[in-house]
Protein backbone atom coordinates (compact mmCIF):
# COMPACT_ATOMS: atom_id res chain seq x y z
CA MET A 1 -7.38 5.04 21.59
CA THR A 2 -8.58 1.59 22.61
CA LYS A 3 -5.44 0.34 24.25
CA LEU A 4 -5.55 -2.66 26.54
CA THR A 5 -6.49 -2.17 30.16
CA THR A 6 -4.06 -2.79 33.00
CA GLU A 7 -5.97 -5.97 33.80
CA GLN A 8 -5.65 -7.23 30.23
CA ILE A 9 -1.92 -6.51 30.13
CA ASP A 10 -1.48 -8.30 33.46
CA GLN A 11 -3.37 -11.29 32.04
CA TYR A 12 -1.12 -11.33 28.99
CA LYS A 13 1.99 -11.28 31.16
CA LYS A 14 0.65 -14.02 33.42
CA LYS A 15 -1.03 -16.34 30.91
CA GLY A 16 0.67 -15.50 27.61
CA TYR A 17 -2.55 -14.48 25.86
CA ILE A 18 -5.66 -12.33 26.16
CA SER A 19 -9.15 -12.69 24.72
CA PRO A 20 -11.63 -11.63 23.63
CA VAL A 21 -10.97 -8.17 22.20
CA ASP A 22 -13.65 -6.59 20.00
CA VAL A 23 -12.12 -5.31 16.75
CA LEU A 24 -14.36 -5.82 13.68
CA THR A 25 -18.01 -5.09 12.95
CA SER A 26 -20.42 -7.61 11.43
CA ILE A 27 -20.24 -5.61 8.19
CA GLU A 28 -16.45 -5.98 8.15
CA THR A 29 -16.52 -9.73 8.81
CA LYS A 30 -19.07 -10.19 6.01
CA GLU A 31 -16.83 -8.19 3.68
CA ILE A 32 -13.97 -10.56 4.49
CA LYS A 33 -16.05 -13.69 3.95
CA ASP A 34 -17.27 -12.26 0.62
CA GLU A 35 -13.65 -11.55 -0.34
CA ILE A 36 -12.64 -15.14 0.39
CA GLU A 37 -15.50 -16.51 -1.71
CA LYS A 38 -14.67 -14.12 -4.55
CA ILE A 39 -11.04 -15.20 -4.58
CA GLU A 40 -11.93 -18.89 -4.38
CA LYS A 41 -14.37 -18.52 -7.28
CA ASN A 42 -12.16 -16.48 -9.60
CA TRP A 43 -8.65 -17.65 -8.60
CA PRO A 44 -9.15 -21.22 -7.26
CA LYS A 45 -5.51 -21.78 -6.23
CA ALA A 46 -4.92 -18.35 -4.72
CA LEU A 47 -5.68 -19.39 -1.13
CA GLU A 48 -4.50 -23.00 -1.24
CA GLY A 49 -1.35 -24.51 0.24
CA ILE A 50 1.36 -21.95 0.87
CA ASN A 51 -0.88 -19.28 -0.67
CA ARG A 52 -2.91 -19.10 2.51
CA ASN A 53 0.02 -16.95 3.67
CA TYR A 54 0.48 -13.24 2.91
CA VAL A 55 -3.08 -12.85 1.63
CA HIS A 56 -2.93 -9.25 2.86
CA LEU A 57 -0.42 -8.52 0.09
CA ILE A 58 -2.92 -9.35 -2.69
CA SER A 59 -6.18 -8.15 -1.12
CA PRO A 60 -7.03 -4.60 0.07
CA VAL A 61 -9.75 -6.10 2.29
CA PHE A 62 -7.28 -8.22 4.26
CA ASP A 63 -4.71 -5.43 4.20
CA LYS A 64 -7.25 -3.16 5.87
CA VAL A 65 -7.62 -5.64 8.73
CA CYS A 66 -3.87 -5.58 9.37
CA HIS A 67 -3.96 -1.79 9.70
CA ASN A 68 -7.15 -1.68 11.78
CA THR A 69 -6.78 0.98 14.48
CA LYS A 70 -8.44 -1.09 17.21
CA ILE A 71 -6.06 -3.98 16.59
CA LEU A 72 -3.01 -1.74 16.44
CA ASP A 73 -3.97 0.06 19.64
CA ALA A 74 -4.12 -3.27 21.47
CA VAL A 75 -0.86 -4.46 19.90
CA GLU A 76 0.87 -1.21 20.86
CA SER A 77 0.04 -1.92 24.48
CA ILE A 78 2.20 -5.04 24.26
CA ILE A 79 5.09 -4.33 21.88
CA GLY A 80 5.29 -0.54 21.76
CA LYS A 81 4.46 2.17 19.23
CA ASN A 82 6.76 1.10 16.37
CA ILE A 83 4.91 -1.76 14.69
CA LEU A 84 5.49 -3.84 11.56
CA VAL A 85 3.04 -6.25 9.92
CA CYS A 86 5.31 -9.23 9.39
CA GLY A 87 3.02 -11.88 7.95
CA THR A 88 -0.49 -13.29 7.82
CA THR A 89 -2.08 -16.72 7.55
CA LEU A 90 -5.65 -17.64 6.68
CA PHE A 91 -6.86 -20.66 8.67
CA ILE A 92 -10.01 -22.16 7.17
CA LYS A 93 -11.47 -25.35 8.63
CA ASN A 94 -14.19 -26.75 6.43
CA PRO A 95 -16.79 -29.05 8.02
CA ASP A 96 -16.03 -31.92 5.65
CA GLU A 97 -12.29 -31.90 6.30
CA LYS A 98 -10.13 -33.09 9.19
CA GLY A 99 -7.83 -30.12 9.62
CA PHE A 100 -6.28 -29.54 13.02
CA VAL A 101 -3.35 -27.65 14.54
CA SER A 102 -1.04 -29.64 16.81
CA PHE A 103 0.17 -28.09 20.04
CA HIS A 104 3.21 -25.94 19.33
CA GLN A 105 5.00 -22.65 19.99
CA ASP A 106 5.13 -20.06 17.22
CA ALA A 107 8.67 -19.05 18.14
CA LYS A 108 10.07 -22.53 17.39
CA TYR A 109 10.68 -22.14 13.64
CA ILE A 110 9.88 -18.56 12.68
CA GLY A 111 13.25 -16.93 13.42
CA LEU A 112 12.07 -13.61 14.86
CA GLU A 113 14.37 -12.33 17.60
CA PRO A 114 13.97 -10.90 20.21
CA HIS A 115 10.44 -11.96 21.15
CA ASN A 116 8.99 -8.46 21.04
CA TRP A 117 6.14 -9.63 18.86
CA VAL A 118 2.57 -10.80 19.23
CA THR A 119 0.15 -12.83 17.12
CA ALA A 120 -3.38 -11.56 16.52
CA TRP A 121 -5.95 -14.29 15.83
CA VAL A 122 -9.00 -12.57 14.31
CA ALA A 123 -12.24 -14.55 14.19
CA ILE A 124 -14.05 -14.07 10.87
CA THR A 125 -16.67 -16.60 11.97
CA ASP A 126 -17.50 -17.67 15.51
CA SER A 127 -14.75 -19.87 16.93
CA ASN A 128 -15.71 -22.35 19.65
CA GLU A 129 -15.05 -25.84 20.92
CA THR A 130 -17.45 -27.38 18.41
CA ASN A 131 -15.72 -25.96 15.34
CA GLY A 132 -12.12 -26.26 16.51
CA CYS A 133 -11.13 -23.10 18.37
CA MET A 134 -7.62 -22.60 19.71
CA LYS A 135 -6.69 -23.95 23.10
CA MET A 136 -4.00 -22.27 25.18
CA TRP A 137 -1.75 -23.79 27.82
CA ALA A 138 -1.56 -20.71 30.00
CA GLY A 139 1.75 -19.60 31.44
CA THR A 140 3.95 -21.74 29.20
CA HIS A 141 5.46 -18.65 27.58
CA LYS A 142 7.54 -18.23 30.74
CA ASN A 143 9.43 -21.46 30.09
CA GLU A 144 12.01 -22.40 27.47
CA ILE A 145 11.00 -23.43 23.96
CA LYS A 146 10.13 -27.13 24.04
CA HIS A 147 11.17 -29.94 21.70
CA HIS A 148 8.83 -30.35 18.73
CA ASN A 149 8.46 -33.58 16.76
CA GLN A 150 7.98 -33.19 13.00
CA LYS A 151 5.07 -35.38 11.98
CA PHE A 152 3.99 -34.00 8.59
CA ASP A 153 0.44 -35.27 9.17
CA GLU A 154 -1.55 -34.48 6.01
CA ASN A 155 -4.39 -33.03 8.09
CA ASN A 156 -2.13 -30.85 10.23
CA LEU A 157 -2.42 -27.19 9.23
CA LEU A 158 1.15 -26.47 10.36
CA THR A 159 4.08 -26.58 7.93
CA ARG A 160 6.05 -29.45 9.45
CA GLY A 161 3.28 -30.84 11.62
CA GLN A 162 5.40 -29.62 14.50
CA THR A 163 4.09 -31.18 17.69
CA ILE A 164 4.78 -30.89 21.40
CA GLU A 165 3.98 -34.28 22.89
CA ASN A 166 2.04 -35.00 26.08
CA VAL A 167 0.32 -31.64 26.46
CA PRO A 168 -2.15 -31.99 29.37
CA ILE A 169 -5.42 -31.13 27.61
CA SER A 170 -7.18 -30.69 30.96
CA GLU A 171 -4.84 -27.79 31.70
CA THR A 172 -5.57 -25.98 28.42
CA THR A 173 -8.23 -23.30 27.98
CA PRO A 174 -10.46 -22.91 24.91
CA VAL A 175 -10.25 -19.45 23.33
CA ILE A 176 -13.88 -18.83 22.42
CA LEU A 177 -14.43 -15.90 20.07
CA LYS A 178 -17.41 -14.34 18.35
CA ALA A 179 -16.98 -13.21 14.76
CA GLY A 180 -15.18 -9.86 14.87
CA GLN A 181 -13.30 -10.59 18.07
CA MET A 182 -9.63 -11.44 18.38
CA SER A 183 -7.15 -12.96 20.77
CA LEU A 184 -3.52 -11.93 21.17
CA HIS A 185 -0.88 -14.46 22.11
CA HIS A 186 2.81 -14.54 22.98
CA PRO A 187 5.33 -16.23 20.63
CA ALA A 188 6.21 -18.88 23.20
CA VAL A 189 2.83 -19.85 24.65
CA ILE A 190 1.84 -23.43 23.79
CA HIS A 191 -1.39 -23.70 21.81
CA GLY A 192 -3.24 -25.83 19.28
CA SER A 193 -6.73 -26.57 17.96
CA GLY A 194 -8.92 -29.52 17.10
CA LEU A 195 -11.34 -30.56 14.37
CA ASN A 196 -14.29 -28.61 13.06
CA LYS A 197 -17.26 -30.79 14.03
CA SER A 198 -19.89 -28.21 13.04
CA LYS A 199 -21.80 -27.84 9.76
CA GLU A 200 -20.22 -24.47 8.91
CA ARG A 201 -16.79 -23.16 7.96
CA ARG A 202 -14.56 -21.89 10.74
CA ILE A 203 -12.44 -19.01 9.49
CA GLY A 204 -9.62 -17.29 11.32
CA PHE A 205 -7.36 -14.59 9.90
CA VAL A 206 -4.08 -14.58 11.76
CA ILE A 207 -1.64 -11.69 11.70
CA GLN A 208 1.51 -13.64 12.49
CA SER A 209 2.84 -11.48 13.54
CA TYR A 210 2.97 -7.87 14.60
CA ILE A 211 6.60 -7.25 15.45
CA GLY A 212 8.47 -4.37 17.01
CA THR A 213 10.83 -2.67 14.59
CA ASN A 214 13.71 -3.90 16.79
CA VAL A 215 12.90 -7.52 15.90
CA ASN A 216 15.19 -9.14 13.33
CA GLN A 217 14.70 -12.21 11.15
CA VAL A 218 17.69 -14.40 12.04
CA LEU A 219 16.93 -17.31 9.69
CA GLY A 220 16.11 -15.59 6.40
CA LYS A 221 14.19 -12.75 4.82
CA MET A 222 10.67 -11.43 5.38
CA TYR A 223 8.50 -8.81 3.72
CA VAL A 224 6.90 -6.31 6.10
CA GLN A 225 4.69 -3.23 6.13
CA LEU A 226 5.07 -0.34 8.53
CA ALA A 227 1.80 -0.22 10.44
CA ARG A 228 2.59 2.43 13.04
CA GLY A 229 5.48 4.60 14.23
CA GLU A 230 8.87 4.54 12.51
CA ASP A 231 11.41 1.90 11.57
CA LEU A 232 14.93 2.95 12.50
CA PHE A 233 16.36 -0.57 12.09
CA ASN A 234 15.30 -1.52 8.54
CA TYR A 235 15.99 -5.21 9.07
CA HIS A 236 13.40 -6.40 6.55
CA GLU A 237 12.20 -6.06 2.97
CA LYS A 238 9.37 -3.52 2.65
CA ALA A 239 6.08 -4.40 0.95
CA GLU A 240 3.64 -1.86 -0.47
CA ARG A 241 -0.03 -1.99 0.45
CA PRO A 242 -2.27 -3.36 -2.33
CA ASN A 243 -4.85 -1.05 -3.90
CA GLN A 244 -6.74 -3.66 -5.92
CA LEU A 245 -7.47 -7.37 -5.64
CA MET A 246 -5.02 -9.80 -7.28
CA ASN A 247 -2.94 -7.16 -9.02
CA LYS A 248 -0.19 -8.85 -11.06
CA LYS A 249 2.61 -6.93 -9.33
CA ASP A 250 1.21 -7.84 -5.92
CA ILE A 251 0.88 -11.51 -6.89
CA ILE A 252 4.57 -11.59 -7.83
CA LEU A 253 5.50 -9.96 -4.53
CA ARG A 254 3.38 -12.45 -2.58
CA GLN A 255 5.10 -15.30 -4.42
CA LYS A 256 8.53 -13.96 -3.46
CA ALA A 257 7.44 -13.52 0.14
CA ASN A 258 6.11 -17.08 0.29
CA GLU A 259 9.28 -18.49 -1.24
CA GLU A 260 11.35 -16.79 1.45
CA LEU A 261 8.93 -17.89 4.17
CA SER A 262 9.18 -21.49 2.99
CA LYS A 263 12.98 -21.33 3.27
CA ILE A 264 12.61 -20.21 6.89
CA PHE A 265 9.97 -22.75 7.90
CA TYR A 266 11.79 -25.69 6.30
CA LEU A 267 15.33 -24.77 7.23
CA ASP A 268 17.30 -27.97 7.96
CA SER A 269 14.23 -30.09 7.22
CA GLU A 270 14.60 -33.15 4.97
CA LYS A 271 10.96 -32.97 3.98
CA LYS A 272 8.38 -30.34 3.00
CA GLY A 273 4.69 -30.16 3.83
CA LYS A 274 1.94 -28.64 1.69
CA TYR A 275 2.02 -25.34 3.57
């Protein structure tokens, strides 16, 4: 078992996140990059817009990441032994684009209650200040959820462009990761990321989130996989693990999952973004 150390758990409780945690080998990160390129070549729309979500439902390679023992051991240290994979998002920042993530709290719109869940941000390429790594405002998970403005900026990688104003950048900390490392962060910690100013792609695969089986979806419906332990609550729809890339049945399931996710993210919104 590679569970978190006492020091790491203390850091998570104090700051609302921990990093870095080594989880993938260089062979595994190359396999993921190759998978992305294969999908982009053969199914050009399969990772665009809302389809950046739930990629683990149509790809055995991404599914394998979600069930990685090293990741699950670390997650278990935070939320307990009964773990569901609730969703995933692929964040790709190309060097010729202006994609950014405004400062926000994951718990604002996602509808998962109680907050016995954690987001794993897995670096498929190096993630640093040059190429737009995440920045965390440590300790903000201890406060109430803040007001978010909905800006719908076309370059914002969030659904509504949800933005917490006046975040003191000098008080934020860059989460620098090597390819194969991950960070774990609390649903309520304030975080965001800037532009990719490098010459290479910055790729992050985000399991958003691993949830305890006691966590319900209070705004809609979500499709989950049992990753560890047992589910005595059965709050959610169950999704099978894919055994081949872009299987027709899996594509249909991913479409249903994304339709339900869109309903949650845009609940009470008069406008929709591209994600």
